[in-house]
Each structure stands twice: as structure tokens, then as C-alpha cells.
Amino acid sequence: MNDLVPALVPPTAAALVRLLGLTLRLRTVGVDELAPYWSGARPLIYCVWHGRILMVPWLNARLRRTHAARAVSVLASRSRDGSIVAGYAGRFGLDVVRGSSSHGGAAAMRALVTTVEAGRDVALVPDGPRGPKRQLGPGVVVLAALTGAPVVPLGFAASPARRMATWDEFLVPAPFARAALVFGAPLRVPRDADRDLVRKDIERSLDEATAAADRLVGA
């Protein structure tokens, strides 16, 4: 039975999220600033906190229809949970790079660099898959420094919503909730930048985008 979980969970979860998404009253902020990047095939590196990722694949699919956004490639660990995440993301047309900081990290970084240099956007969860919550790992900064692609903080919020009793307070919007998607300003990382300072800047910008989304829905 356990072997069936990676096969059954992704299509079921994707179907439920699509239905949920149809009910949300969504507001987006910062999309117009990204249009030149999308139209000019200039790759971006999105980052979002782990606790806010549930709706992100659906949001990307929606933006591809409404704003000519690009499909993104996402990173998923090589664990069983990573297989579930990969299957779920694939249901929304996202490509998946497998690897994590603890397993296959170097190979995953090489694949992400190749993806960005080919002109594709990527999305990373810098505090996943195990935390600490809302602490930016080094991957985003390294990838941005190596490729020159800007980092775009992404905040999502919904109200009413349930915050699960998990390490990341995983957010699950209620049907017909108010929802907000906030894109922060793109941040570039020079190769010779102080990476610790840059990491703190991106972490702060991601917190600000998330807080802005929370305010928009009254959370």
C-alpha cells in the first residue's frame, strides 16, 4: 500500500488544489514588473517559504494563462516525499530537478545552473525540505551568483486558512478565501558579493513579500 502513495497522492492533490483555486478571490502584486523578463526570455529565480508552497504550482499555471508567464523548473529532494512533490508539480506542467542539500546537492546545483543558462525560470524553497523555518539556505544565493539571474521573492497568503501543526506552519487556504500573491523586486547577486550579507537581504525581502501578502488578506 505504501508503494501506491507516490502514485496516488499527486493526482488527487492536484485535482483538489485546482478545485480550491477556482474558488479563491486572488489579488496579485508585482506582476507588471516581471513582464519585461518574461517577454525578453530573461530567466528568474523565484523563492518562496516552504509553508506557503501548496498553491504555487497552480498559481504558475494561472499566470501562464493570464500574463504569459513561463513554466518554471522546481527542485525536489530524492526522498519519498520528494517523489510526491515531483509528481504533484508535474501535474501543473512544471519540470523537476531532483536533489537536496543532503543528497545529490552538487548534481542538483549543476542541473539548476544548466536550466537557468538555457533561459528557463526556476523556483526554490530555501528553507525546505526540513527547515529551520524561514531561514534562507545557501542554494538561492549560489545559483544567483553563478548565473547572474535575479532572485524574485514570492509571498502567498490566504484568509481564512488553516495553518497545519507542522514545522513550517503549512498553509492550506479555505474554499472561497481571500488570497494574495506578492512578487518582491528582483534582486541581483554579483559573483564577488558578500554572500552572507546577500543571504540576509534575500531572507528579509522574502519575509517582507510574505508579510505584504498576509496584510492584503487581513491575516
N, C-alpha and C. Protein backbone atom coordinates (compact mmCIF):
# COMPACT_ATOMS: atom_id res chain seq x y z
N MET A 1 0.83 -1.21 0.00
CA MET A 1 0.00 0.00 0.00
C MET A 1 0.86 1.26 0.00
N ASN A 2 1.97 1.23 0.80
CA ASN A 2 2.84 2.40 0.86
C ASN A 2 3.42 2.74 -0.50
N ASP A 3 3.64 1.72 -1.34
CA ASP A 3 4.20 1.97 -2.66
C ASP A 3 3.23 2.73 -3.56
N LEU A 4 1.93 2.69 -3.21
CA LEU A 4 0.94 3.37 -4.02
C LEU A 4 0.84 4.86 -3.71
N VAL A 5 1.36 5.26 -2.54
CA VAL A 5 1.20 6.65 -2.11
C VAL A 5 1.80 7.64 -3.11
N PRO A 6 3.06 7.46 -3.57
CA PRO A 6 3.60 8.41 -4.54
C PRO A 6 2.84 8.45 -5.85
N ALA A 7 2.13 7.37 -6.16
CA ALA A 7 1.36 7.34 -7.41
C ALA A 7 -0.02 7.97 -7.24
N LEU A 8 -0.61 7.83 -6.06
CA LEU A 8 -1.99 8.28 -5.86
C LEU A 8 -2.10 9.70 -5.34
N VAL A 9 -1.16 10.12 -4.49
CA VAL A 9 -1.28 11.43 -3.86
C VAL A 9 -1.17 12.58 -4.86
N PRO A 10 -0.17 12.60 -5.77
CA PRO A 10 -0.05 13.76 -6.67
C PRO A 10 -1.29 14.06 -7.49
N PRO A 11 -1.89 13.09 -8.21
CA PRO A 11 -3.07 13.45 -9.00
C PRO A 11 -4.25 13.86 -8.14
N THR A 12 -4.40 13.22 -6.97
CA THR A 12 -5.51 13.58 -6.08
C THR A 12 -5.32 14.99 -5.54
N ALA A 13 -4.11 15.29 -5.05
CA ALA A 13 -3.85 16.62 -4.50
C ALA A 13 -3.98 17.69 -5.58
N ALA A 14 -3.48 17.42 -6.77
CA ALA A 14 -3.56 18.41 -7.85
C ALA A 14 -5.01 18.70 -8.22
N ALA A 15 -5.84 17.67 -8.27
CA ALA A 15 -7.25 17.88 -8.60
C ALA A 15 -7.94 18.72 -7.53
N LEU A 16 -7.65 18.44 -6.26
CA LEU A 16 -8.26 19.19 -5.17
C LEU A 16 -7.79 20.65 -5.18
N VAL A 17 -6.50 20.87 -5.46
CA VAL A 17 -5.97 22.23 -5.48
C VAL A 17 -6.57 23.02 -6.64
N ARG A 18 -6.76 22.37 -7.79
CA ARG A 18 -7.40 23.06 -8.91
C ARG A 18 -8.82 23.50 -8.53
N LEU A 19 -9.56 22.63 -7.89
CA LEU A 19 -10.91 22.98 -7.46
C LEU A 19 -10.88 24.11 -6.44
N LEU A 20 -9.95 24.02 -5.49
CA LEU A 20 -9.81 25.06 -4.48
C LEU A 20 -9.45 26.39 -5.14
N GLY A 21 -8.51 26.35 -6.07
CA GLY A 21 -8.08 27.57 -6.74
C GLY A 21 -9.21 28.30 -7.45
N LEU A 22 -10.15 27.55 -8.00
CA LEU A 22 -11.28 28.17 -8.70
C LEU A 22 -12.14 29.01 -7.76
N THR A 23 -12.08 28.73 -6.47
CA THR A 23 -12.93 29.45 -5.50
C THR A 23 -12.23 30.65 -4.89
N LEU A 24 -10.91 30.76 -5.03
CA LEU A 24 -10.18 31.82 -4.35
C LEU A 24 -10.41 33.17 -4.99
N ARG A 25 -10.46 34.20 -4.17
CA ARG A 25 -10.53 35.59 -4.63
C ARG A 25 -9.10 36.12 -4.59
N LEU A 26 -8.41 35.99 -5.72
CA LEU A 26 -6.97 36.22 -5.76
C LEU A 26 -6.63 37.64 -6.19
N ARG A 27 -5.67 38.21 -5.48
CA ARG A 27 -5.09 39.50 -5.84
C ARG A 27 -3.59 39.30 -6.05
N THR A 28 -3.05 39.85 -7.13
CA THR A 28 -1.62 39.72 -7.40
C THR A 28 -0.97 41.11 -7.38
N VAL A 29 0.25 41.16 -6.86
CA VAL A 29 1.00 42.40 -6.76
C VAL A 29 2.41 42.16 -7.30
N GLY A 30 2.89 43.06 -8.15
CA GLY A 30 4.25 42.98 -8.65
C GLY A 30 4.39 42.26 -9.98
N VAL A 31 3.30 41.82 -10.58
CA VAL A 31 3.37 41.07 -11.83
C VAL A 31 3.87 41.94 -12.97
N ASP A 32 3.43 43.19 -13.04
CA ASP A 32 3.80 44.05 -14.17
C ASP A 32 5.32 44.25 -14.23
N GLU A 33 5.97 44.29 -13.08
CA GLU A 33 7.42 44.49 -13.06
C GLU A 33 8.18 43.30 -13.64
N LEU A 34 7.53 42.13 -13.68
CA LEU A 34 8.20 40.94 -14.21
C LEU A 34 7.95 40.73 -15.69
N ALA A 35 6.98 41.43 -16.27
CA ALA A 35 6.64 41.24 -17.67
C ALA A 35 7.83 41.41 -18.61
N PRO A 36 8.71 42.40 -18.40
CA PRO A 36 9.88 42.52 -19.31
C PRO A 36 10.80 41.31 -19.27
N TYR A 37 10.90 40.68 -18.11
CA TYR A 37 11.73 39.48 -18.01
C TYR A 37 11.10 38.34 -18.80
N TRP A 38 9.78 38.17 -18.66
CA TRP A 38 9.09 37.10 -19.36
C TRP A 38 9.13 37.31 -20.87
N SER A 39 8.86 38.52 -21.33
CA SER A 39 8.83 38.76 -22.77
C SER A 39 10.22 38.73 -23.38
N GLY A 40 11.24 39.03 -22.58
CA GLY A 40 12.60 39.04 -23.09
C GLY A 40 13.36 37.76 -22.86
N ALA A 41 12.67 36.74 -22.38
CA ALA A 41 13.30 35.44 -22.13
C ALA A 41 14.50 35.57 -21.20
N ARG A 42 14.36 36.44 -20.19
CA ARG A 42 15.41 36.63 -19.20
C ARG A 42 15.06 35.79 -17.97
N PRO A 43 15.84 34.79 -17.63
CA PRO A 43 15.44 33.85 -16.58
C PRO A 43 15.42 34.47 -15.19
N LEU A 44 14.56 33.93 -14.35
CA LEU A 44 14.39 34.40 -12.98
C LEU A 44 14.52 33.22 -12.02
N ILE A 45 14.91 33.53 -10.80
CA ILE A 45 14.96 32.54 -9.73
C ILE A 45 13.94 32.96 -8.67
N TYR A 46 12.84 32.25 -8.59
CA TYR A 46 11.82 32.55 -7.58
C TYR A 46 12.16 31.81 -6.29
N CYS A 47 11.83 32.42 -5.16
CA CYS A 47 11.95 31.70 -3.90
C CYS A 47 10.72 31.99 -3.05
N VAL A 48 10.27 30.96 -2.33
CA VAL A 48 9.07 31.04 -1.51
C VAL A 48 9.29 30.17 -0.29
N TRP A 49 8.76 30.59 0.85
CA TRP A 49 8.92 29.79 2.07
C TRP A 49 8.12 28.49 1.97
N HIS A 50 8.66 27.46 2.59
CA HIS A 50 8.09 26.11 2.49
C HIS A 50 6.62 26.07 2.93
N GLY A 51 6.29 26.82 3.95
CA GLY A 51 4.92 26.78 4.45
C GLY A 51 3.89 27.38 3.52
N ARG A 52 4.31 28.03 2.44
CA ARG A 52 3.38 28.70 1.53
C ARG A 52 3.39 28.09 0.12
N ILE A 53 3.87 26.86 -0.04
CA ILE A 53 4.09 26.34 -1.39
C ILE A 53 2.89 25.63 -2.01
N LEU A 54 1.87 25.30 -1.21
CA LEU A 54 0.80 24.44 -1.72
C LEU A 54 0.22 24.94 -3.04
N MET A 55 -0.12 26.23 -3.11
CA MET A 55 -0.82 26.77 -4.27
C MET A 55 0.11 27.25 -5.37
N VAL A 56 1.42 27.25 -5.13
CA VAL A 56 2.35 27.85 -6.09
C VAL A 56 2.30 27.20 -7.47
N PRO A 57 2.29 25.87 -7.61
CA PRO A 57 2.17 25.31 -8.97
C PRO A 57 0.90 25.75 -9.68
N TRP A 58 -0.21 25.79 -8.95
CA TRP A 58 -1.46 26.26 -9.55
C TRP A 58 -1.36 27.73 -9.93
N LEU A 59 -0.74 28.54 -9.09
CA LEU A 59 -0.57 29.96 -9.40
C LEU A 59 0.27 30.16 -10.64
N ASN A 60 1.32 29.36 -10.80
CA ASN A 60 2.14 29.48 -12.00
C ASN A 60 1.34 29.14 -13.25
N ALA A 61 0.53 28.08 -13.17
CA ALA A 61 -0.31 27.71 -14.31
C ALA A 61 -1.28 28.83 -14.65
N ARG A 62 -1.82 29.48 -13.63
CA ARG A 62 -2.75 30.59 -13.86
C ARG A 62 -2.04 31.77 -14.51
N LEU A 63 -0.85 32.12 -14.02
CA LEU A 63 -0.11 33.24 -14.59
C LEU A 63 0.33 32.97 -16.01
N ARG A 64 0.58 31.71 -16.35
CA ARG A 64 0.92 31.39 -17.73
C ARG A 64 -0.25 31.67 -18.65
N ARG A 65 -1.46 31.50 -18.16
CA ARG A 65 -2.64 31.78 -18.97
C ARG A 65 -2.95 33.26 -19.04
N THR A 66 -2.79 33.98 -17.93
CA THR A 66 -3.27 35.36 -17.85
C THR A 66 -2.20 36.41 -18.12
N HIS A 67 -0.92 36.08 -17.91
CA HIS A 67 0.13 37.08 -18.04
C HIS A 67 1.32 36.60 -18.87
N ALA A 68 1.18 35.50 -19.56
CA ALA A 68 2.26 34.97 -20.40
C ALA A 68 3.52 34.69 -19.61
N ALA A 69 3.33 34.32 -18.33
CA ALA A 69 4.48 33.89 -17.54
C ALA A 69 5.00 32.57 -18.08
N ARG A 70 6.22 32.22 -17.69
CA ARG A 70 6.82 30.96 -18.14
C ARG A 70 6.61 29.87 -17.10
N ALA A 71 6.58 28.63 -17.58
CA ALA A 71 6.64 27.49 -16.66
C ALA A 71 8.00 27.49 -15.99
N VAL A 72 8.05 27.02 -14.75
CA VAL A 72 9.30 27.01 -14.01
C VAL A 72 9.76 25.58 -13.75
N SER A 73 11.04 25.45 -13.47
CA SER A 73 11.58 24.19 -13.01
C SER A 73 11.74 24.27 -11.50
N VAL A 74 11.38 23.21 -10.80
CA VAL A 74 11.43 23.21 -9.34
C VAL A 74 12.38 22.13 -8.86
N LEU A 75 12.89 22.33 -7.65
CA LEU A 75 13.80 21.37 -7.04
C LEU A 75 13.03 20.51 -6.05
N ALA A 76 13.18 19.19 -6.15
CA ALA A 76 12.56 18.27 -5.20
C ALA A 76 13.61 17.27 -4.74
N SER A 77 13.55 16.92 -3.47
CA SER A 77 14.55 16.01 -2.93
C SER A 77 14.39 14.62 -3.54
N ARG A 78 15.40 13.77 -3.31
CA ARG A 78 15.38 12.41 -3.83
C ARG A 78 14.68 11.45 -2.88
N SER A 79 14.06 11.97 -1.86
CA SER A 79 13.35 11.15 -0.88
C SER A 79 11.98 10.74 -1.41
N ARG A 80 11.30 9.91 -0.63
CA ARG A 80 9.93 9.51 -0.99
C ARG A 80 9.01 10.73 -1.03
N ASP A 81 9.17 11.63 -0.06
CA ASP A 81 8.37 12.86 -0.08
C ASP A 81 8.69 13.69 -1.32
N GLY A 82 9.98 13.68 -1.72
CA GLY A 82 10.36 14.41 -2.92
C GLY A 82 9.70 13.85 -4.16
N SER A 83 9.50 12.54 -4.20
CA SER A 83 8.81 11.93 -5.33
C SER A 83 7.36 12.39 -5.41
N ILE A 84 6.76 12.55 -4.23
CA ILE A 84 5.38 13.04 -4.20
C ILE A 84 5.32 14.49 -4.69
N VAL A 85 6.28 15.31 -4.21
CA VAL A 85 6.34 16.71 -4.65
C VAL A 85 6.56 16.79 -6.16
N ALA A 86 7.47 15.95 -6.67
CA ALA A 86 7.75 15.96 -8.11
C ALA A 86 6.52 15.59 -8.92
N GLY A 87 5.80 14.57 -8.47
CA GLY A 87 4.59 14.17 -9.17
C GLY A 87 3.52 15.25 -9.13
N TYR A 88 3.39 15.91 -7.98
CA TYR A 88 2.42 17.00 -7.83
C TYR A 88 2.76 18.17 -8.75
N ALA A 89 4.03 18.61 -8.73
CA ALA A 89 4.43 19.73 -9.58
C ALA A 89 4.25 19.40 -11.05
N GLY A 90 4.57 18.16 -11.43
CA GLY A 90 4.43 17.76 -12.82
C GLY A 90 3.01 17.84 -13.33
N ARG A 91 2.04 17.69 -12.43
CA ARG A 91 0.63 17.79 -12.82
C ARG A 91 0.25 19.19 -13.29
N PHE A 92 1.09 20.17 -12.94
CA PHE A 92 0.82 21.56 -13.36
C PHE A 92 1.79 22.00 -14.45
N GLY A 93 2.48 21.04 -15.07
CA GLY A 93 3.35 21.35 -16.19
C GLY A 93 4.72 21.85 -15.80
N LEU A 94 5.14 21.62 -14.55
CA LEU A 94 6.45 22.07 -14.11
C LEU A 94 7.48 20.96 -14.28
N ASP A 95 8.67 21.34 -14.71
CA ASP A 95 9.79 20.41 -14.75
C ASP A 95 10.37 20.29 -13.35
N VAL A 96 11.01 19.15 -13.07
CA VAL A 96 11.54 18.89 -11.73
C VAL A 96 13.00 18.49 -11.81
N VAL A 97 13.81 19.13 -10.97
CA VAL A 97 15.21 18.75 -10.77
C VAL A 97 15.28 18.05 -9.43
N ARG A 98 15.85 16.85 -9.39
CA ARG A 98 15.89 16.08 -8.15
C ARG A 98 17.23 16.29 -7.44
N GLY A 99 17.15 16.48 -6.13
CA GLY A 99 18.35 16.66 -5.32
C GLY A 99 18.05 17.57 -4.16
N SER A 100 18.96 17.59 -3.16
CA SER A 100 18.81 18.44 -1.98
C SER A 100 20.18 18.73 -1.43
N SER A 101 20.22 19.53 -0.38
CA SER A 101 21.50 19.89 0.22
C SER A 101 22.19 18.67 0.82
N SER A 102 21.41 17.66 1.21
CA SER A 102 22.00 16.49 1.86
C SER A 102 22.19 15.32 0.91
N HIS A 103 21.42 15.26 -0.18
CA HIS A 103 21.53 14.15 -1.13
C HIS A 103 21.50 14.70 -2.56
N GLY A 104 22.60 14.56 -3.26
CA GLY A 104 22.63 15.00 -4.65
C GLY A 104 22.68 16.48 -4.83
N GLY A 105 23.19 17.21 -3.81
CA GLY A 105 23.16 18.66 -3.88
C GLY A 105 24.00 19.23 -5.00
N ALA A 106 25.23 18.71 -5.18
CA ALA A 106 26.11 19.23 -6.23
C ALA A 106 25.53 18.98 -7.61
N ALA A 107 25.00 17.77 -7.81
CA ALA A 107 24.40 17.45 -9.10
C ALA A 107 23.17 18.30 -9.36
N ALA A 108 22.37 18.53 -8.31
CA ALA A 108 21.18 19.36 -8.45
C ALA A 108 21.55 20.80 -8.81
N MET A 109 22.61 21.33 -8.16
CA MET A 109 23.03 22.70 -8.47
C MET A 109 23.50 22.80 -9.91
N ARG A 110 24.26 21.81 -10.38
CA ARG A 110 24.70 21.84 -11.77
C ARG A 110 23.51 21.83 -12.72
N ALA A 111 22.51 21.01 -12.39
CA ALA A 111 21.32 20.94 -13.25
C ALA A 111 20.56 22.25 -13.23
N LEU A 112 20.48 22.89 -12.06
CA LEU A 112 19.79 24.17 -11.98
C LEU A 112 20.53 25.26 -12.76
N VAL A 113 21.85 25.27 -12.66
CA VAL A 113 22.64 26.23 -13.42
C VAL A 113 22.40 26.04 -14.92
N THR A 114 22.42 24.79 -15.37
CA THR A 114 22.16 24.50 -16.78
C THR A 114 20.77 24.98 -17.19
N THR A 115 19.79 24.77 -16.30
CA THR A 115 18.42 25.18 -16.59
C THR A 115 18.32 26.69 -16.75
N VAL A 116 18.91 27.42 -15.82
CA VAL A 116 18.85 28.89 -15.88
C VAL A 116 19.61 29.41 -17.09
N GLU A 117 20.78 28.84 -17.36
CA GLU A 117 21.57 29.30 -18.51
C GLU A 117 20.88 29.00 -19.84
N ALA A 118 19.94 28.04 -19.82
CA ALA A 118 19.14 27.76 -21.02
C ALA A 118 17.95 28.71 -21.15
N GLY A 119 17.81 29.65 -20.20
CA GLY A 119 16.75 30.64 -20.28
C GLY A 119 15.47 30.28 -19.57
N ARG A 120 15.50 29.24 -18.72
CA ARG A 120 14.30 28.83 -18.02
C ARG A 120 14.30 29.37 -16.59
N ASP A 121 13.12 29.69 -16.10
CA ASP A 121 12.97 30.10 -14.71
C ASP A 121 13.03 28.88 -13.79
N VAL A 122 13.48 29.12 -12.57
CA VAL A 122 13.45 28.07 -11.56
C VAL A 122 12.80 28.62 -10.29
N ALA A 123 12.27 27.73 -9.48
CA ALA A 123 11.68 28.10 -8.20
C ALA A 123 12.31 27.23 -7.12
N LEU A 124 12.76 27.88 -6.04
CA LEU A 124 13.40 27.18 -4.94
C LEU A 124 12.66 27.47 -3.64
N VAL A 125 12.73 26.53 -2.73
CA VAL A 125 12.16 26.67 -1.39
C VAL A 125 13.34 26.70 -0.43
N PRO A 126 13.82 27.89 -0.07
CA PRO A 126 15.12 27.99 0.59
C PRO A 126 15.16 27.53 2.04
N ASP A 127 14.01 27.22 2.66
CA ASP A 127 14.04 26.65 4.00
C ASP A 127 13.57 25.19 3.99
N GLY A 128 13.42 24.59 2.81
CA GLY A 128 12.97 23.21 2.72
C GLY A 128 14.12 22.27 2.46
N PRO A 129 13.84 20.95 2.61
CA PRO A 129 12.52 20.41 2.98
C PRO A 129 12.30 20.23 4.47
N ARG A 130 13.30 20.56 5.31
CA ARG A 130 13.14 20.27 6.74
C ARG A 130 13.37 21.48 7.65
N GLY A 131 13.63 22.65 7.10
CA GLY A 131 13.84 23.80 7.95
C GLY A 131 15.31 24.07 8.23
N PRO A 132 15.61 24.96 9.15
CA PRO A 132 14.71 25.69 10.04
C PRO A 132 13.76 26.63 9.28
N LYS A 133 12.61 26.85 9.88
CA LYS A 133 11.57 27.65 9.25
C LYS A 133 12.06 29.06 8.97
N ARG A 134 11.83 29.50 7.73
CA ARG A 134 12.10 30.86 7.29
C ARG A 134 13.56 31.28 7.52
N GLN A 135 14.46 30.34 7.33
CA GLN A 135 15.89 30.65 7.31
C GLN A 135 16.42 30.26 5.94
N LEU A 136 16.99 31.23 5.25
CA LEU A 136 17.41 31.03 3.87
C LEU A 136 18.68 30.18 3.81
N GLY A 137 18.58 29.05 3.12
CA GLY A 137 19.75 28.24 2.87
C GLY A 137 20.62 28.87 1.79
N PRO A 138 21.81 28.31 1.53
CA PRO A 138 22.76 28.94 0.61
C PRO A 138 22.44 28.75 -0.87
N GLY A 139 21.55 27.82 -1.22
CA GLY A 139 21.36 27.46 -2.61
C GLY A 139 20.92 28.61 -3.50
N VAL A 140 19.99 29.43 -3.03
CA VAL A 140 19.49 30.54 -3.83
C VAL A 140 20.61 31.51 -4.16
N VAL A 141 21.40 31.85 -3.15
CA VAL A 141 22.49 32.81 -3.35
C VAL A 141 23.53 32.26 -4.31
N VAL A 142 23.91 31.00 -4.15
CA VAL A 142 24.91 30.39 -5.02
C VAL A 142 24.42 30.37 -6.45
N LEU A 143 23.18 29.94 -6.66
CA LEU A 143 22.64 29.86 -8.02
C LEU A 143 22.59 31.23 -8.67
N ALA A 144 22.16 32.24 -7.93
CA ALA A 144 22.08 33.59 -8.48
C ALA A 144 23.46 34.14 -8.82
N ALA A 145 24.44 33.88 -7.96
CA ALA A 145 25.80 34.37 -8.21
C ALA A 145 26.42 33.69 -9.43
N LEU A 146 26.16 32.41 -9.59
CA LEU A 146 26.76 31.67 -10.70
C LEU A 146 26.13 32.02 -12.05
N THR A 147 24.85 32.34 -12.05
CA THR A 147 24.13 32.53 -13.31
C THR A 147 23.86 34.00 -13.65
N GLY A 148 23.87 34.88 -12.65
CA GLY A 148 23.51 36.28 -12.89
C GLY A 148 22.02 36.52 -12.97
N ALA A 149 21.20 35.47 -12.80
CA ALA A 149 19.75 35.65 -12.85
C ALA A 149 19.25 36.30 -11.57
N PRO A 150 18.30 37.24 -11.66
CA PRO A 150 17.78 37.89 -10.46
C PRO A 150 16.94 36.93 -9.61
N VAL A 151 16.96 37.18 -8.32
CA VAL A 151 16.13 36.43 -7.38
C VAL A 151 14.84 37.22 -7.14
N VAL A 152 13.70 36.54 -7.24
CA VAL A 152 12.40 37.18 -7.03
C VAL A 152 11.72 36.56 -5.82
N PRO A 153 11.64 37.29 -4.70
CA PRO A 153 10.91 36.77 -3.54
C PRO A 153 9.42 36.68 -3.85
N LEU A 154 8.80 35.63 -3.39
CA LEU A 154 7.38 35.38 -3.68
C LEU A 154 6.67 35.11 -2.36
N GLY A 155 5.65 35.90 -2.08
CA GLY A 155 4.84 35.70 -0.88
C GLY A 155 3.42 35.33 -1.24
N PHE A 156 2.88 34.34 -0.55
CA PHE A 156 1.48 33.94 -0.76
C PHE A 156 0.78 33.88 0.59
N ALA A 157 -0.48 34.31 0.60
CA ALA A 157 -1.28 34.26 1.82
C ALA A 157 -2.74 34.03 1.45
N ALA A 158 -3.49 33.53 2.41
CA ALA A 158 -4.93 33.34 2.23
C ALA A 158 -5.62 33.46 3.58
N SER A 159 -6.85 33.93 3.55
CA SER A 159 -7.65 34.04 4.77
C SER A 159 -9.13 33.97 4.40
N PRO A 160 -9.87 33.08 5.08
CA PRO A 160 -9.42 32.17 6.14
C PRO A 160 -8.58 31.03 5.57
N ALA A 161 -7.75 30.47 6.43
CA ALA A 161 -6.89 29.36 6.03
C ALA A 161 -6.51 28.58 7.28
N ARG A 162 -6.10 27.36 7.07
CA ARG A 162 -5.64 26.52 8.18
C ARG A 162 -4.12 26.46 8.17
N ARG A 163 -3.52 26.68 9.31
CA ARG A 163 -2.08 26.50 9.47
C ARG A 163 -1.86 25.17 10.17
N MET A 164 -1.23 24.25 9.46
CA MET A 164 -1.04 22.91 9.98
C MET A 164 -0.04 22.92 11.13
N ALA A 165 -0.14 21.90 12.00
CA ALA A 165 0.78 21.76 13.13
C ALA A 165 2.06 21.08 12.67
N THR A 166 2.75 21.72 11.74
CA THR A 166 4.00 21.20 11.19
C THR A 166 5.10 22.22 11.44
N TRP A 167 6.34 21.82 11.19
CA TRP A 167 7.46 22.72 11.48
C TRP A 167 7.38 24.04 10.73
N ASP A 168 6.74 24.01 9.54
CA ASP A 168 6.67 25.20 8.69
C ASP A 168 5.33 25.91 8.76
N GLU A 169 4.41 25.44 9.63
CA GLU A 169 3.05 26.00 9.70
C GLU A 169 2.41 26.04 8.32
N PHE A 170 2.39 24.89 7.67
CA PHE A 170 1.94 24.76 6.29
C PHE A 170 0.54 25.33 6.12
N LEU A 171 0.40 26.24 5.15
CA LEU A 171 -0.83 27.00 4.97
C LEU A 171 -1.73 26.33 3.94
N VAL A 172 -2.98 26.06 4.33
CA VAL A 172 -3.97 25.48 3.43
C VAL A 172 -5.17 26.43 3.37
N PRO A 173 -5.38 27.14 2.25
CA PRO A 173 -6.50 28.07 2.17
C PRO A 173 -7.84 27.37 2.31
N ALA A 174 -8.78 28.07 2.88
CA ALA A 174 -10.16 27.58 2.92
C ALA A 174 -10.83 27.90 1.59
N PRO A 175 -11.82 27.11 1.20
CA PRO A 175 -12.56 27.45 -0.02
C PRO A 175 -13.15 28.86 0.07
N PHE A 176 -13.10 29.58 -1.05
CA PHE A 176 -13.64 30.93 -1.18
C PHE A 176 -12.87 31.96 -0.33
N ALA A 177 -11.65 31.63 0.05
CA ALA A 177 -10.84 32.55 0.85
C ALA A 177 -10.34 33.71 0.00
N ARG A 178 -10.00 34.82 0.67
CA ARG A 178 -9.24 35.87 0.02
C ARG A 178 -7.80 35.37 -0.08
N ALA A 179 -7.16 35.62 -1.20
CA ALA A 179 -5.79 35.16 -1.40
C ALA A 179 -4.97 36.28 -2.06
N ALA A 180 -3.68 36.27 -1.77
CA ALA A 180 -2.80 37.29 -2.34
C ALA A 180 -1.47 36.65 -2.73
N LEU A 181 -0.98 37.05 -3.88
CA LEU A 181 0.33 36.64 -4.38
C LEU A 181 1.14 37.90 -4.60
N VAL A 182 2.26 38.01 -3.89
CA VAL A 182 3.09 39.22 -3.94
C VAL A 182 4.48 38.86 -4.44
N PHE A 183 4.90 39.51 -5.53
CA PHE A 183 6.26 39.37 -6.04
C PHE A 183 7.09 40.54 -5.54
N GLY A 184 8.20 40.25 -4.87
CA GLY A 184 9.11 41.30 -4.47
C GLY A 184 9.96 41.75 -5.65
N ALA A 185 10.72 42.82 -5.45
CA ALA A 185 11.59 43.34 -6.51
C ALA A 185 12.71 42.35 -6.80
N PRO A 186 13.04 42.14 -8.08
CA PRO A 186 14.15 41.24 -8.43
C PRO A 186 15.47 41.73 -7.82
N LEU A 187 16.23 40.78 -7.28
CA LEU A 187 17.50 41.10 -6.62
C LEU A 187 18.63 40.38 -7.34
N ARG A 188 19.65 41.11 -7.75
CA ARG A 188 20.80 40.50 -8.42
C ARG A 188 21.92 40.24 -7.41
N VAL A 189 22.68 39.19 -7.65
CA VAL A 189 23.76 38.79 -6.77
C VAL A 189 25.06 38.78 -7.57
N PRO A 190 25.92 39.80 -7.43
CA PRO A 190 27.21 39.78 -8.13
C PRO A 190 28.05 38.60 -7.66
N ARG A 191 28.90 38.11 -8.54
CA ARG A 191 29.75 36.97 -8.20
C ARG A 191 30.66 37.26 -7.01
N ASP A 192 31.09 38.52 -6.86
CA ASP A 192 32.01 38.86 -5.79
C ASP A 192 31.31 39.44 -4.57
N ALA A 193 29.99 39.29 -4.49
CA ALA A 193 29.24 39.84 -3.36
C ALA A 193 29.54 39.07 -2.08
N ASP A 194 29.37 39.74 -0.96
CA ASP A 194 29.43 39.08 0.34
C ASP A 194 28.18 38.22 0.47
N ARG A 195 28.33 36.93 0.34
CA ARG A 195 27.16 36.06 0.23
C ARG A 195 26.35 35.98 1.51
N ASP A 196 26.99 36.19 2.64
CA ASP A 196 26.23 36.19 3.89
C ASP A 196 25.33 37.40 3.97
N LEU A 197 25.85 38.56 3.55
CA LEU A 197 25.02 39.77 3.53
C LEU A 197 23.89 39.64 2.52
N VAL A 198 24.19 39.08 1.35
CA VAL A 198 23.16 38.88 0.33
C VAL A 198 22.09 37.93 0.84
N ARG A 199 22.52 36.86 1.51
CA ARG A 199 21.56 35.89 2.05
C ARG A 199 20.59 36.60 3.00
N LYS A 200 21.10 37.47 3.84
CA LYS A 200 20.24 38.18 4.79
C LYS A 200 19.30 39.13 4.05
N ASP A 201 19.79 39.77 2.98
CA ASP A 201 18.95 40.68 2.20
C ASP A 201 17.79 39.92 1.55
N ILE A 202 18.10 38.77 0.95
CA ILE A 202 17.05 38.00 0.30
C ILE A 202 16.07 37.45 1.33
N GLU A 203 16.59 36.98 2.45
CA GLU A 203 15.71 36.48 3.52
C GLU A 203 14.76 37.57 3.99
N ARG A 204 15.29 38.77 4.17
CA ARG A 204 14.44 39.89 4.61
C ARG A 204 13.40 40.24 3.53
N SER A 205 13.81 40.25 2.27
CA SER A 205 12.87 40.56 1.19
C SER A 205 11.77 39.51 1.08
N LEU A 206 12.13 38.25 1.31
CA LEU A 206 11.13 37.19 1.26
C LEU A 206 10.16 37.30 2.42
N ASP A 207 10.67 37.65 3.60
CA ASP A 207 9.78 37.89 4.74
C ASP A 207 8.85 39.06 4.45
N GLU A 208 9.38 40.11 3.82
CA GLU A 208 8.55 41.29 3.53
C GLU A 208 7.46 40.97 2.52
N ALA A 209 7.79 40.18 1.49
CA ALA A 209 6.77 39.80 0.50
C ALA A 209 5.69 38.95 1.14
N THR A 210 6.09 38.04 2.02
CA THR A 210 5.12 37.19 2.71
C THR A 210 4.24 38.02 3.64
N ALA A 211 4.86 38.96 4.37
CA ALA A 211 4.08 39.82 5.27
C ALA A 211 3.12 40.71 4.49
N ALA A 212 3.56 41.19 3.31
CA ALA A 212 2.68 42.01 2.48
C ALA A 212 1.47 41.21 2.01
N ALA A 213 1.69 39.95 1.64
CA ALA A 213 0.57 39.09 1.24
C ALA A 213 -0.38 38.87 2.41
N ASP A 214 0.17 38.66 3.59
CA ASP A 214 -0.66 38.48 4.78
C ASP A 214 -1.53 39.72 5.03
N ARG A 215 -0.92 40.89 4.89
CA ARG A 215 -1.69 42.13 5.13
C ARG A 215 -2.82 42.29 4.13
N LEU A 216 -2.58 41.92 2.88
CA LEU A 216 -3.59 42.09 1.84
C LEU A 216 -4.84 41.26 2.11
N VAL A 217 -4.68 40.14 2.81
CA VAL A 217 -5.85 39.29 3.08
C VAL A 217 -6.33 39.45 4.52
N GLY A 218 -5.69 40.34 5.28
CA GLY A 218 -6.09 40.57 6.66
C GLY A 218 -5.71 39.45 7.59
N ALA A 219 -4.64 38.71 7.24
CA ALA A 219 -4.21 37.59 8.09
C ALA A 219 -3.33 38.10 9.22
